[in-house]
Amino acid sequence: MKGIGLRFNFISEDGAEKFFNTVLGKSKVENIYIRNNEISQPYTIKLDEKLRESKTKIFIDILEKV
């Protein structure tokens, strides 16, 4: 699977955290579209740091502005 679309699904930060803990470093997904959910700017910054630490090359649409 190349990408997954999760936009407009009322995903909370807790749900996003569980999802990204599973996906980062363990999946071959290349694109994740998760805009328009209940994810704050501070969580987005935290997610960007986590992605950099994992050295995984995944496009996540909410990180475009970070």
PDB file of N, CA and C in Angstrom:
ATOM      1  N   MET A   1       0.849  -1.164   0.000  1.00  0.00           N
ATOM      2  CA  MET A   1       0.000   0.000   0.000  1.00  0.00           C
ATOM      3  C   MET A   1       0.902   1.237   0.000  1.00  0.00           C
ATOM      4  N   LYS A   2       0.629   2.131  -0.914  1.00  0.00           N
ATOM      5  CA  LYS A   2       1.430   3.349  -1.040  1.00  0.00           C
ATOM      6  C   LYS A   2       0.948   4.478  -0.158  1.00  0.00           C
ATOM      7  N   GLY A   3      -0.361   4.570   0.055  1.00  0.00           N
ATOM      8  CA  GLY A   3      -0.898   5.670   0.835  1.00  0.00           C
ATOM      9  C   GLY A   3      -2.181   5.288   1.539  1.00  0.00           C
ATOM     10  N   ILE A   4      -2.510   6.111   2.530  1.00  0.00           N
ATOM     11  CA  ILE A   4      -3.735   5.895   3.288  1.00  0.00           C
ATOM     12  C   ILE A   4      -4.377   7.254   3.557  1.00  0.00           C
ATOM     13  N   GLY A   5      -5.666   7.346   3.313  1.00  0.00           N
ATOM     14  CA  GLY A   5      -6.406   8.579   3.531  1.00  0.00           C
ATOM     15  C   GLY A   5      -7.278   8.481   4.774  1.00  0.00           C
ATOM     16  N   LEU A   6      -7.023   9.336   5.741  1.00  0.00           N
ATOM     17  CA  LEU A   6      -7.761   9.333   6.999  1.00  0.00           C
ATOM     18  C   LEU A   6      -8.395  10.692   7.294  1.00  0.00           C
ATOM     19  N   ARG A   7      -8.592  11.501   6.292  1.00  0.00           N
ATOM     20  CA  ARG A   7      -9.161  12.839   6.484  1.00  0.00           C
ATOM     21  C   ARG A   7     -10.619  12.766   6.916  1.00  0.00           C
ATOM     22  N   PHE A   8     -11.017  13.749   7.724  1.00  0.00           N
ATOM     23  CA  PHE A   8     -12.408  13.904   8.176  1.00  0.00           C
ATOM     24  C   PHE A   8     -12.930  12.664   8.902  1.00  0.00           C
ATOM     25  N   ASN A   9     -12.139  12.107   9.820  1.00  0.00           N
ATOM     26  CA  ASN A   9     -12.549  10.911  10.555  1.00  0.00           C
ATOM     27  C   ASN A   9     -12.636  11.142  12.055  1.00  0.00           C
ATOM     28  N   PHE A  10     -12.600  12.376  12.504  1.00  0.00           N
ATOM     29  CA  PHE A  10     -12.698  12.717  13.924  1.00  0.00           C
ATOM     30  C   PHE A  10     -11.622  11.997  14.753  1.00  0.00           C
ATOM     31  N   ILE A  11     -10.428  11.860  14.189  1.00  0.00           N
ATOM     32  CA  ILE A  11      -9.327  11.194  14.889  1.00  0.00           C
ATOM     33  C   ILE A  11      -8.758  12.146  15.929  1.00  0.00           C
ATOM     34  N   SER A  12      -8.681  11.679  17.167  1.00  0.00           N
ATOM     35  CA  SER A  12      -8.126  12.490  18.254  1.00  0.00           C
ATOM     36  C   SER A  12      -6.605  12.339  18.270  1.00  0.00           C
ATOM     37  N   GLU A  13      -5.966  13.133  19.103  1.00  0.00           N
ATOM     38  CA  GLU A  13      -4.515  13.015  19.230  1.00  0.00           C
ATOM     39  C   GLU A  13      -4.125  11.661  19.819  1.00  0.00           C
ATOM     40  N   ASP A  14      -4.933  11.129  20.726  1.00  0.00           N
ATOM     41  CA  ASP A  14      -4.655   9.799  21.276  1.00  0.00           C
ATOM     42  C   ASP A  14      -4.721   8.738  20.177  1.00  0.00           C
ATOM     43  N   GLY A  15      -5.726   8.827  19.337  1.00  0.00           N
ATOM     44  CA  GLY A  15      -5.854   7.887  18.231  1.00  0.00           C
ATOM     45  C   GLY A  15      -4.717   8.035  17.238  1.00  0.00           C
ATOM     46  N   ALA A  16      -4.342   9.273  16.951  1.00  0.00           N
ATOM     47  CA  ALA A  16      -3.228   9.521  16.035  1.00  0.00           C
ATOM     48  C   ALA A  16      -1.926   8.983  16.620  1.00  0.00           C
ATOM     49  N   GLU A  17      -1.743   9.161  17.915  1.00  0.00           N
ATOM     50  CA  GLU A  17      -0.530   8.674  18.582  1.00  0.00           C
ATOM     51  C   GLU A  17      -0.414   7.154  18.450  1.00  0.00           C
ATOM     52  N   LYS A  18      -1.491   6.453  18.696  1.00  0.00           N
ATOM     53  CA  LYS A  18      -1.489   4.993  18.562  1.00  0.00           C
ATOM     54  C   LYS A  18      -1.225   4.579  17.121  1.00  0.00           C
ATOM     55  N   PHE A  19      -1.860   5.269  16.190  1.00  0.00           N
ATOM     56  CA  PHE A  19      -1.665   4.961  14.771  1.00  0.00           C
ATOM     57  C   PHE A  19      -0.212   5.165  14.359  1.00  0.00           C
ATOM     58  N   PHE A  20       0.360   6.330  14.687  1.00  0.00           N
ATOM     59  CA  PHE A  20       1.727   6.615  14.254  1.00  0.00           C
ATOM     60  C   PHE A  20       2.761   5.761  14.985  1.00  0.00           C
ATOM     61  N   ASN A  21       2.510   5.371  16.215  1.00  0.00           N
ATOM     62  CA  ASN A  21       3.418   4.453  16.901  1.00  0.00           C
ATOM     63  C   ASN A  21       3.475   3.115  16.176  1.00  0.00           C
ATOM     64  N   THR A  22       2.389   2.719  15.588  1.00  0.00           N
ATOM     65  CA  THR A  22       2.341   1.470  14.836  1.00  0.00           C
ATOM     66  C   THR A  22       2.983   1.617  13.464  1.00  0.00           C
ATOM     67  N   VAL A  23       2.739   2.736  12.809  1.00  0.00           N
ATOM     68  CA  VAL A  23       3.158   2.918  11.420  1.00  0.00           C
ATOM     69  C   VAL A  23       4.630   3.303  11.269  1.00  0.00           C
ATOM     70  N   LEU A  24       5.121   4.223  12.084  1.00  0.00           N
ATOM     71  CA  LEU A  24       6.483   4.735  11.905  1.00  0.00           C
ATOM     72  C   LEU A  24       7.516   3.637  12.119  1.00  0.00           C
ATOM     73  N   GLY A  25       8.252   3.361  11.072  1.00  0.00           N
ATOM     74  CA  GLY A  25       9.316   2.379  11.148  1.00  0.00           C
ATOM     75  C   GLY A  25       8.873   0.942  10.942  1.00  0.00           C
ATOM     76  N   LYS A  26       7.584   0.687  10.899  1.00  0.00           N
ATOM     77  CA  LYS A  26       7.103  -0.689  10.787  1.00  0.00           C
ATOM     78  C   LYS A  26       6.248  -0.903   9.551  1.00  0.00           C
ATOM     79  N   SER A  27       6.082   0.100   8.739  1.00  0.00           N
ATOM     80  CA  SER A  27       5.183   0.008   7.605  1.00  0.00           C
ATOM     81  C   SER A  27       5.874   0.549   6.362  1.00  0.00           C
ATOM     82  N   LYS A  28       5.373   0.149   5.225  1.00  0.00           N
ATOM     83  CA  LYS A  28       5.916   0.641   3.965  1.00  0.00           C
ATOM     84  C   LYS A  28       5.020   1.690   3.325  1.00  0.00           C
ATOM     85  N   VAL A  29       4.078   2.219   4.115  1.00  0.00           N
ATOM     86  CA  VAL A  29       3.199   3.280   3.627  1.00  0.00           C
ATOM     87  C   VAL A  29       4.055   4.508   3.331  1.00  0.00           C
ATOM     88  N   GLU A  30       3.836   5.122   2.179  1.00  0.00           N
ATOM     89  CA  GLU A  30       4.634   6.274   1.772  1.00  0.00           C
ATOM     90  C   GLU A  30       3.930   7.605   2.006  1.00  0.00           C
ATOM     91  N   ASN A  31       2.601   7.608   1.981  1.00  0.00           N
ATOM     92  CA  ASN A  31       1.824   8.837   2.116  1.00  0.00           C
ATOM     93  C   ASN A  31       0.684   8.627   3.096  1.00  0.00           C
ATOM     94  N   ILE A  32       0.532   9.581   4.028  1.00  0.00           N
ATOM     95  CA  ILE A  32      -0.573   9.541   4.978  1.00  0.00           C
ATOM     96  C   ILE A  32      -1.279  10.887   4.910  1.00  0.00           C
ATOM     97  N   TYR A  33      -2.559  10.834   4.616  1.00  0.00           N
ATOM     98  CA  TYR A  33      -3.380  12.044   4.517  1.00  0.00           C
ATOM     99  C   TYR A  33      -4.320  12.055   5.719  1.00  0.00           C
ATOM    100  N   ILE A  34      -4.052  12.952   6.679  1.00  0.00           N
ATOM    101  CA  ILE A  34      -4.773  12.934   7.953  1.00  0.00           C
ATOM    102  C   ILE A  34      -5.292  14.309   8.370  1.00  0.00           C
ATOM    103  N   ARG A  35      -5.314  15.244   7.449  1.00  0.00           N
ATOM    104  CA  ARG A  35      -5.839  16.583   7.752  1.00  0.00           C
ATOM    105  C   ARG A  35      -7.298  16.528   8.148  1.00  0.00           C
ATOM    106  N   ASN A  36      -7.750  17.610   8.733  1.00  0.00           N
ATOM    107  CA  ASN A  36      -9.154  17.794   9.112  1.00  0.00           C
ATOM    108  C   ASN A  36      -9.616  16.772  10.141  1.00  0.00           C
ATOM    109  N   ASN A  37      -8.788  16.549  11.134  1.00  0.00           N
ATOM    110  CA  ASN A  37      -9.128  15.730  12.283  1.00  0.00           C
ATOM    111  C   ASN A  37      -8.897  16.577  13.528  1.00  0.00           C
ATOM    112  N   GLU A  38      -8.982  15.999  14.676  1.00  0.00           N
ATOM    113  CA  GLU A  38      -8.835  16.746  15.930  1.00  0.00           C
ATOM    114  C   GLU A  38      -7.388  16.691  16.428  1.00  0.00           C
ATOM    115  N   ILE A  39      -6.488  17.243  15.612  1.00  0.00           N
ATOM    116  CA  ILE A  39      -5.060  17.207  15.907  1.00  0.00           C
ATOM    117  C   ILE A  39      -4.566  18.647  16.015  1.00  0.00           C
ATOM    118  N   SER A  40      -3.956  18.980  17.157  1.00  0.00           N
ATOM    119  CA  SER A  40      -3.512  20.351  17.423  1.00  0.00           C
ATOM    120  C   SER A  40      -2.141  20.631  16.813  1.00  0.00           C
ATOM    121  N   GLN A  41      -1.813  21.915  16.741  1.00  0.00           N
ATOM    122  CA  GLN A  41      -0.497  22.331  16.244  1.00  0.00           C
ATOM    123  C   GLN A  41       0.639  21.801  17.128  1.00  0.00           C
ATOM    124  N   PRO A  42       0.532  21.854  18.472  1.00  0.00           N
ATOM    125  CA  PRO A  42       1.610  21.291  19.303  1.00  0.00           C
ATOM    126  C   PRO A  42       1.830  19.791  19.037  1.00  0.00           C
ATOM    127  N   TYR A  43       0.754  19.042  18.820  1.00  0.00           N
ATOM    128  CA  TYR A  43       0.920  17.617  18.511  1.00  0.00           C
ATOM    129  C   TYR A  43       1.593  17.442  17.154  1.00  0.00           C
ATOM    130  N   THR A  44       1.269  18.310  16.200  1.00  0.00           N
ATOM    131  CA  THR A  44       1.881  18.241  14.876  1.00  0.00           C
ATOM    132  C   THR A  44       3.392  18.425  14.971  1.00  0.00           C
ATOM    133  N   ILE A  45       3.828  19.353  15.810  1.00  0.00           N
ATOM    134  CA  ILE A  45       5.264  19.582  16.011  1.00  0.00           C
ATOM    135  C   ILE A  45       5.909  18.354  16.638  1.00  0.00           C
ATOM    136  N   LYS A  46       5.247  17.773  17.614  1.00  0.00           N
ATOM    137  CA  LYS A  46       5.741  16.550  18.263  1.00  0.00           C
ATOM    138  C   LYS A  46       5.842  15.405  17.250  1.00  0.00           C
ATOM    139  N   LEU A  47       4.848  15.283  16.387  1.00  0.00           N
ATOM    140  CA  LEU A  47       4.850  14.246  15.363  1.00  0.00           C
ATOM    141  C   LEU A  47       5.999  14.448  14.381  1.00  0.00           C
ATOM    142  N   ASP A  48       6.254  15.699  14.002  1.00  0.00           N
ATOM    143  CA  ASP A  48       7.365  16.001  13.097  1.00  0.00           C
ATOM    144  C   ASP A  48       8.695  15.572  13.717  1.00  0.00           C
ATOM    145  N   GLU A  49       8.879  15.841  15.003  1.00  0.00           N
ATOM    146  CA  GLU A  49      10.107  15.428  15.695  1.00  0.00           C
ATOM    147  C   GLU A  49      10.230  13.907  15.729  1.00  0.00           C
ATOM    148  N   LYS A  50       9.116  13.242  15.994  1.00  0.00           N
ATOM    149  CA  LYS A  50       9.111  11.776  16.051  1.00  0.00           C
ATOM    150  C   LYS A  50       9.457  11.179  14.681  1.00  0.00           C
ATOM    151  N   LEU A  51       8.934  11.790  13.618  1.00  0.00           N
ATOM    152  CA  LEU A  51       9.215  11.320  12.268  1.00  0.00           C
ATOM    153  C   LEU A  51      10.690  11.488  11.935  1.00  0.00           C
ATOM    154  N   ARG A  52      11.275  12.616  12.317  1.00  0.00           N
ATOM    155  CA  ARG A  52      12.709  12.847  12.072  1.00  0.00           C
ATOM    156  C   ARG A  52      13.577  11.850  12.846  1.00  0.00           C
ATOM    157  N   GLU A  53      13.196  11.564  14.086  1.00  0.00           N
ATOM    158  CA  GLU A  53      13.950  10.603  14.892  1.00  0.00           C
ATOM    159  C   GLU A  53      13.903   9.199  14.299  1.00  0.00           C
ATOM    160  N   SER A  54      12.780   8.836  13.731  1.00  0.00           N
ATOM    161  CA  SER A  54      12.633   7.495  13.175  1.00  0.00           C
ATOM    162  C   SER A  54      13.354   7.344  11.832  1.00  0.00           C
ATOM    163  N   LYS A  55      13.734   8.483  11.233  1.00  0.00           N
ATOM    164  CA  LYS A  55      14.413   8.512   9.936  1.00  0.00           C
ATOM    165  C   LYS A  55      13.619   7.773   8.866  1.00  0.00           C
ATOM    166  N   THR A  56      12.308   7.832   8.996  1.00  0.00           N
ATOM    167  CA  THR A  56      11.398   7.226   8.043  1.00  0.00           C
ATOM    168  C   THR A  56      10.971   8.276   7.033  1.00  0.00           C
ATOM    169  N   LYS A  57      10.935   7.905   5.776  1.00  0.00           N
ATOM    170  CA  LYS A  57      10.531   8.843   4.732  1.00  0.00           C
ATOM    171  C   LYS A  57       9.068   8.610   4.390  1.00  0.00           C
ATOM    172  N   ILE A  58       8.202   9.264   5.146  1.00  0.00           N
ATOM    173  CA  ILE A  58       6.767   9.194   4.925  1.00  0.00           C
ATOM    174  C   ILE A  58       6.263  10.622   4.764  1.00  0.00           C
ATOM    175  N   PHE A  59       5.437  10.844   3.749  1.00  0.00           N
ATOM    176  CA  PHE A  59       4.788  12.132   3.581  1.00  0.00           C
ATOM    177  C   PHE A  59       3.531  12.126   4.433  1.00  0.00           C
ATOM    178  N   ILE A  60       3.414  13.106   5.336  1.00  0.00           N
ATOM    179  CA  ILE A  60       2.228  13.273   6.163  1.00  0.00           C
ATOM    180  C   ILE A  60       1.724  14.682   5.900  1.00  0.00           C
ATOM    181  N   ASP A  61       0.521  14.793   5.375  1.00  0.00           N
ATOM    182  CA  ASP A  61       0.035  16.084   4.890  1.00  0.00           C
ATOM    183  C   ASP A  61      -0.039  17.169   5.964  1.00  0.00           C
ATOM    184  N   ILE A  62      -0.266  16.839   7.212  1.00  0.00           N
ATOM    185  CA  ILE A  62      -0.356  17.877   8.250  1.00  0.00           C
ATOM    186  C   ILE A  62       1.016  18.454   8.601  1.00  0.00           C
ATOM    187  N   LEU A  63       2.076  17.860   8.101  1.00  0.00           N
ATOM    188  CA  LEU A  63       3.425  18.360   8.402  1.00  0.00           C
ATOM    189  C   LEU A  63       3.958  19.309   7.342  1.00  0.00           C
ATOM    190  N   GLU A  64       3.170  19.616   6.336  1.00  0.00           N
ATOM    191  CA  GLU A  64       3.629  20.505   5.263  1.00  0.00           C
ATOM    192  C   GLU A  64       3.994  21.887   5.773  1.00  0.00           C
ATOM    193  N   LYS A  65       3.316  22.379   6.806  1.00  0.00           N
ATOM    194  CA  LYS A  65       3.560  23.731   7.310  1.00  0.00           C
ATOM    195  C   LYS A  65       4.564  23.772   8.451  1.00  0.00           C
ATOM    196  N   VAL A  66       5.030  22.627   8.913  1.00  0.00           N
ATOM    197  CA  VAL A  66       5.958  22.590  10.042  1.00  0.00           C
ATOM    198  C   VAL A  66       7.360  22.835   9.543  1.00  0.00           C
TER     199      VAL A  66
END
